[in-house]
Amino acid sequence: MPKASQALTSGLLLKQLRSDVYKVSPKKRDMNALERLMALVVQGPDGSYAAAEKAVSALKAHFTHWNEVRVSRAFEVADALSSRRIGNAPERGLAAQEYLRRVFGLQNHLELDWLYDASSERRDVLLDAIEMAPPHAGPVLDLDAMEEGDKVPVSTDLKRFLSRVGALAPSPGGKQVRTFMGNAFKEKSLFPSYVAFQVQAAQICESKHPHCRHCPVLNSCPYGKRNLGNPTYGIALEEMGMAGKTKTARN
């Protein structure tokens, strides 16, 4: 375990990883898996989940069923969104229709509730196949699939990331990871906190080819410093506006 004077807290890491994109709320009771994933697709990699969810709700209220949305003309879908004052109606309508067409093309129907009984790996296969889901879709679906009383998923990616950044000792166990992240997983912060950590761990801190030069926590990461070496480490910090801002925190 890193010394107390050098160990990073979950709060400090979250501060560096925080993004409005990760502000995803828990799935509503009347929202099925097809609709949940549609909202994430419409949100995209840099949009608002709240606005995307509103767009999905507007389409659901206007059309009889989702297959009707799939086969309708683009202007009809856009008009349905515009009538509910949904911004970027044409773009969001096209994204929703293309998503539905891809799901139907993959399995010849639009039922996706099997996602909640599938493994993370099988969910990822679908996300890769539709080629429209943002990076945070997988972590969101993983949380959605948890049953009451389940513990937050701990992936190999998370273990590797927290070890590399110096927050935990090498090869930490699931209990150590959950204990470290406990402060971040409180009530409404569960989804955005977990998603932020998991996206960082899987998309940036890859096992064999980590993207250290584009890492938002590079100035806190001893592994990144060693991996890049001088002067590349210093150049990377300058490019991301982190020069002179190395961060550590006490537990």
Protein backbone atom coordinates (compact mmCIF):
# COMPACT_ATOMS: atom_id res chain seq x y z
CA MET A 1 0.00 0.00 0.00
CA PRO A 2 1.36 3.49 -0.82
CA LYS A 3 2.49 5.59 2.12
CA ALA A 4 -0.29 7.72 3.60
CA SER A 5 1.44 10.92 2.55
CA GLN A 6 1.51 9.79 -1.08
CA ALA A 7 -1.65 7.73 -1.47
CA LEU A 8 -4.36 9.12 -3.71
CA THR A 9 -7.93 9.28 -2.43
CA SER A 10 -10.97 8.41 -4.53
CA GLY A 11 -12.09 12.02 -4.16
CA LEU A 12 -8.94 13.41 -5.74
CA LEU A 13 -9.09 10.98 -8.65
CA LEU A 14 -12.76 11.75 -9.23
CA LYS A 15 -12.02 15.46 -9.27
CA GLN A 16 -9.59 14.89 -12.13
CA LEU A 17 -11.84 12.44 -13.98
CA ARG A 18 -15.11 14.31 -13.52
CA SER A 19 -17.08 14.94 -16.70
CA ASP A 20 -20.65 16.07 -17.35
CA VAL A 21 -20.97 13.14 -19.75
CA TYR A 22 -20.82 10.73 -16.81
CA LYS A 23 -23.82 12.32 -15.08
CA VAL A 24 -26.05 9.35 -15.84
CA SER A 25 -28.96 8.75 -13.49
CA PRO A 26 -30.19 5.29 -12.45
CA LYS A 27 -32.51 3.55 -14.91
CA LYS A 28 -36.18 4.38 -14.40
CA ARG A 29 -38.49 1.52 -13.48
CA ASP A 30 -40.50 1.77 -16.71
CA MET A 31 -37.42 1.95 -18.97
CA ASN A 32 -36.39 -1.30 -20.61
CA ALA A 33 -32.90 -2.20 -21.84
CA LEU A 34 -33.63 -1.14 -25.43
CA GLU A 35 -34.66 2.31 -24.23
CA ARG A 36 -31.81 2.66 -21.74
CA LEU A 37 -29.21 1.90 -24.39
CA MET A 38 -31.02 4.16 -26.86
CA ALA A 39 -30.70 7.05 -24.42
CA LEU A 40 -26.96 6.40 -24.12
CA VAL A 41 -26.58 6.23 -27.90
CA VAL A 42 -28.51 9.48 -28.37
CA GLN A 43 -26.40 11.06 -25.64
CA GLY A 44 -23.19 10.14 -27.44
CA PRO A 45 -19.65 10.55 -26.10
CA ASP A 46 -20.03 14.20 -25.09
CA GLY A 47 -23.73 15.01 -24.68
CA SER A 48 -26.20 15.32 -21.83
CA TYR A 49 -27.85 12.14 -20.59
CA ALA A 50 -30.82 14.07 -19.19
CA ALA A 51 -31.52 15.57 -22.63
CA ALA A 52 -31.11 12.19 -24.32
CA GLU A 53 -33.48 10.51 -21.88
CA LYS A 54 -36.02 13.24 -22.52
CA ALA A 55 -35.76 12.56 -26.27
CA VAL A 56 -36.38 8.83 -25.77
CA SER A 57 -39.40 9.57 -23.57
CA ALA A 58 -40.79 11.91 -26.23
CA LEU A 59 -40.51 9.23 -28.93
CA LYS A 60 -42.05 6.59 -26.67
CA ALA A 61 -45.04 8.84 -25.98
CA HIS A 62 -45.57 9.75 -29.64
CA PHE A 63 -45.25 6.38 -31.38
CA THR A 64 -47.19 3.18 -30.72
CA HIS A 65 -44.08 1.00 -30.52
CA TRP A 66 -40.35 1.16 -31.28
CA ASN A 67 -40.65 -0.70 -34.53
CA GLU A 68 -42.80 2.17 -35.77
CA VAL A 69 -39.96 4.56 -35.01
CA ARG A 70 -37.55 2.29 -36.87
CA VAL A 71 -39.56 2.30 -40.12
CA SER A 72 -40.90 5.87 -40.04
CA ARG A 73 -39.60 8.65 -42.24
CA ALA A 74 -36.85 10.75 -40.74
CA PHE A 75 -38.92 13.95 -40.76
CA GLU A 76 -41.72 12.22 -38.83
CA VAL A 77 -39.34 11.24 -36.05
CA ALA A 78 -37.76 14.71 -36.03
CA ASP A 79 -41.19 16.34 -35.87
CA ALA A 80 -42.14 14.14 -32.92
CA LEU A 81 -39.09 15.39 -31.04
CA SER A 82 -39.55 19.01 -32.10
CA SER A 83 -43.16 18.96 -30.88
CA ARG A 84 -41.81 18.16 -27.40
CA ARG A 85 -39.20 20.93 -27.69
CA ILE A 86 -36.27 18.53 -27.88
CA GLY A 87 -33.09 20.25 -29.09
CA ASN A 88 -31.20 18.94 -32.11
CA ALA A 89 -34.30 16.99 -33.09
CA PRO A 90 -33.15 15.92 -36.60
CA GLU A 91 -29.79 14.59 -35.35
CA ARG A 92 -31.29 12.84 -32.33
CA GLY A 93 -34.06 11.35 -34.45
CA LEU A 94 -31.60 9.94 -36.96
CA ALA A 95 -29.44 8.49 -34.20
CA ALA A 96 -32.45 6.77 -32.61
CA GLN A 97 -33.60 5.31 -35.92
CA GLU A 98 -30.16 4.09 -36.94
CA TYR A 99 -29.71 2.48 -33.53
CA LEU A 100 -33.04 0.65 -33.83
CA ARG A 101 -32.19 -0.52 -37.32
CA ARG A 102 -28.85 -1.89 -36.22
CA VAL A 103 -30.33 -3.73 -33.24
CA PHE A 104 -33.02 -5.22 -35.47
CA GLY A 105 -30.46 -6.15 -38.10
CA LEU A 106 -28.36 -8.00 -35.52
CA GLN A 107 -31.12 -10.13 -34.00
CA ASN A 108 -34.25 -9.67 -36.14
CA HIS A 109 -36.18 -8.20 -33.20
CA LEU A 110 -35.88 -5.27 -30.78
CA GLU A 111 -35.99 -7.01 -27.39
CA LEU A 112 -32.81 -6.33 -25.40
CA ASP A 113 -33.69 -7.17 -21.82
CA TRP A 114 -31.41 -10.19 -22.10
CA LEU A 115 -28.58 -7.70 -21.57
CA TYR A 116 -29.30 -7.72 -17.84
CA ASP A 117 -28.81 -11.47 -17.61
CA ALA A 118 -25.68 -11.48 -19.75
CA SER A 119 -22.05 -11.12 -18.73
CA SER A 120 -20.19 -7.85 -19.18
CA GLU A 121 -18.30 -9.48 -22.04
CA ARG A 122 -21.49 -10.43 -23.87
CA ARG A 123 -22.89 -6.94 -23.40
CA ASP A 124 -19.69 -5.53 -24.86
CA VAL A 125 -20.10 -7.75 -27.93
CA LEU A 126 -23.44 -6.09 -28.66
CA LEU A 127 -22.09 -2.59 -28.02
CA ASP A 128 -19.23 -3.24 -30.42
CA ALA A 129 -21.59 -4.66 -33.03
CA ILE A 130 -23.94 -1.68 -33.13
CA GLU A 131 -20.93 0.67 -33.37
CA MET A 132 -22.87 3.60 -31.89
CA ALA A 133 -22.62 3.23 -28.13
CA PRO A 134 -20.43 5.73 -26.23
CA PRO A 135 -17.55 4.42 -24.06
CA HIS A 136 -19.56 4.75 -20.86
CA ALA A 137 -22.47 2.58 -22.06
CA GLY A 138 -20.87 -0.66 -20.83
CA PRO A 139 -20.30 0.51 -17.24
CA VAL A 140 -23.84 1.93 -17.09
CA LEU A 141 -25.37 -1.36 -18.22
CA ASP A 142 -23.18 -3.23 -15.73
CA LEU A 143 -24.66 -1.14 -12.91
CA ASP A 144 -28.19 -1.52 -14.30
CA ALA A 145 -27.77 -5.31 -14.23
CA MET A 146 -26.98 -5.41 -10.51
CA GLU A 147 -29.64 -6.91 -8.32
CA GLU A 148 -30.52 -5.45 -4.93
CA GLY A 149 -27.76 -6.22 -2.48
CA ASP A 150 -25.12 -6.77 -5.17
CA LYS A 151 -21.75 -5.15 -4.68
CA VAL A 152 -20.38 -2.71 -7.23
CA PRO A 153 -18.57 -4.63 -10.01
CA VAL A 154 -14.79 -4.76 -9.69
CA SER A 155 -13.06 -5.40 -12.99
CA THR A 156 -9.50 -6.32 -13.84
CA ASP A 157 -9.27 -2.92 -15.52
CA LEU A 158 -10.14 -1.15 -12.26
CA LYS A 159 -7.58 -3.13 -10.29
CA ARG A 160 -4.88 -2.35 -12.82
CA PHE A 161 -5.70 1.36 -12.97
CA LEU A 162 -5.78 1.90 -9.20
CA SER A 163 -2.54 -0.02 -8.81
CA ARG A 164 -0.75 1.88 -11.58
CA VAL A 165 -1.84 5.26 -10.32
CA GLY A 166 -0.45 4.38 -6.89
CA ALA A 167 -3.77 4.38 -5.07
CA LEU A 168 -3.47 0.69 -4.15
CA ALA A 169 -0.71 -1.87 -3.87
CA PRO A 170 0.04 -4.11 -6.89
CA SER A 171 -2.57 -6.82 -7.60
CA PRO A 172 -5.22 -5.53 -5.18
CA GLY A 173 -8.22 -7.69 -4.28
CA GLY A 174 -11.84 -6.81 -4.88
CA LYS A 175 -12.35 -5.88 -1.21
CA GLN A 176 -9.46 -3.42 -1.36
CA VAL A 177 -10.87 -1.77 -4.48
CA ARG A 178 -14.36 -1.42 -3.00
CA THR A 179 -12.96 -0.03 0.25
CA PHE A 180 -10.91 2.56 -1.62
CA MET A 181 -13.82 3.61 -3.81
CA GLY A 182 -16.37 3.55 -1.02
CA ASN A 183 -16.24 7.30 -0.47
CA ALA A 184 -17.12 7.86 -4.13
CA PHE A 185 -20.08 5.49 -4.18
CA LYS A 186 -22.71 7.35 -2.24
CA GLU A 187 -26.35 7.58 -3.29
CA LYS A 188 -26.70 9.75 -6.41
CA SER A 189 -22.96 9.76 -7.10
CA LEU A 190 -22.84 5.99 -7.70
CA PHE A 191 -23.38 6.05 -11.45
CA PRO A 192 -21.15 9.01 -12.40
CA SER A 193 -18.40 7.87 -10.00
CA TYR A 194 -18.27 4.26 -11.15
CA VAL A 195 -18.56 5.22 -14.81
CA ALA A 196 -15.72 7.73 -14.52
CA PHE A 197 -13.40 5.17 -12.94
CA GLN A 198 -14.33 2.33 -15.27
CA VAL A 199 -14.05 4.36 -18.50
CA GLN A 200 -10.67 5.67 -17.43
CA ALA A 201 -9.50 2.17 -16.52
CA ALA A 202 -10.70 0.44 -19.68
CA GLN A 203 -10.31 3.12 -22.35
CA ILE A 204 -7.19 5.02 -21.26
CA CYS A 205 -5.25 2.79 -18.89
CA GLU A 206 -5.19 -0.21 -21.22
CA SER A 207 -3.22 -3.28 -20.23
CA LYS A 208 -0.63 -3.40 -23.02
CA HIS A 209 -0.89 0.02 -24.65
CA PRO A 210 -1.98 2.64 -22.10
CA HIS A 211 -2.68 6.10 -23.50
CA CYS A 212 -0.59 7.92 -20.91
CA ARG A 213 -0.09 11.00 -23.07
CA HIS A 214 -3.84 11.62 -23.03
CA CYS A 215 -4.53 10.60 -19.45
CA PRO A 216 -6.41 13.15 -17.27
CA VAL A 217 -4.64 11.86 -14.15
CA LEU A 218 -1.13 11.68 -15.61
CA ASN A 219 0.16 14.24 -13.13
CA SER A 220 -0.89 11.87 -10.31
CA CYS A 221 0.38 8.66 -11.86
CA PRO A 222 3.83 7.21 -11.10
CA TYR A 223 3.31 4.50 -13.71
CA GLY A 224 2.62 7.08 -16.42
CA LYS A 225 5.75 8.99 -15.49
CA ARG A 226 7.88 5.85 -15.72
CA ASN A 227 6.17 4.67 -18.87
CA LEU A 228 6.67 7.92 -20.77
CA GLY A 229 10.05 8.83 -19.35
CA ASN A 230 11.70 12.22 -19.63
CA PRO A 231 11.30 14.47 -21.54
CA THR A 232 8.09 12.94 -22.96
CA TYR A 233 6.40 13.04 -19.55
CA GLY A 234 7.04 16.76 -19.21
CA ILE A 235 5.89 17.44 -22.76
CA ALA A 236 2.67 15.52 -22.15
CA LEU A 237 1.95 17.49 -18.99
CA GLU A 238 2.49 20.75 -20.86
CA GLU A 239 0.21 19.68 -23.70
CA MET A 240 -2.60 18.93 -21.24
CA GLY A 241 -2.00 22.02 -19.12
CA MET A 242 -0.75 20.03 -16.13
CA ALA A 243 2.83 21.25 -15.95
CA GLY A 244 3.78 22.07 -12.35
CA LYS A 245 0.55 20.52 -11.03
CA THR A 246 1.62 17.12 -9.74
CA LYS A 247 -1.02 15.98 -7.24
CA THR A 248 -0.95 13.74 -4.21
CA ALA A 249 -3.23 13.60 -1.22
CA ARG A 250 -3.41 12.20 2.28
CA ASN A 251 -5.87 9.43 3.08
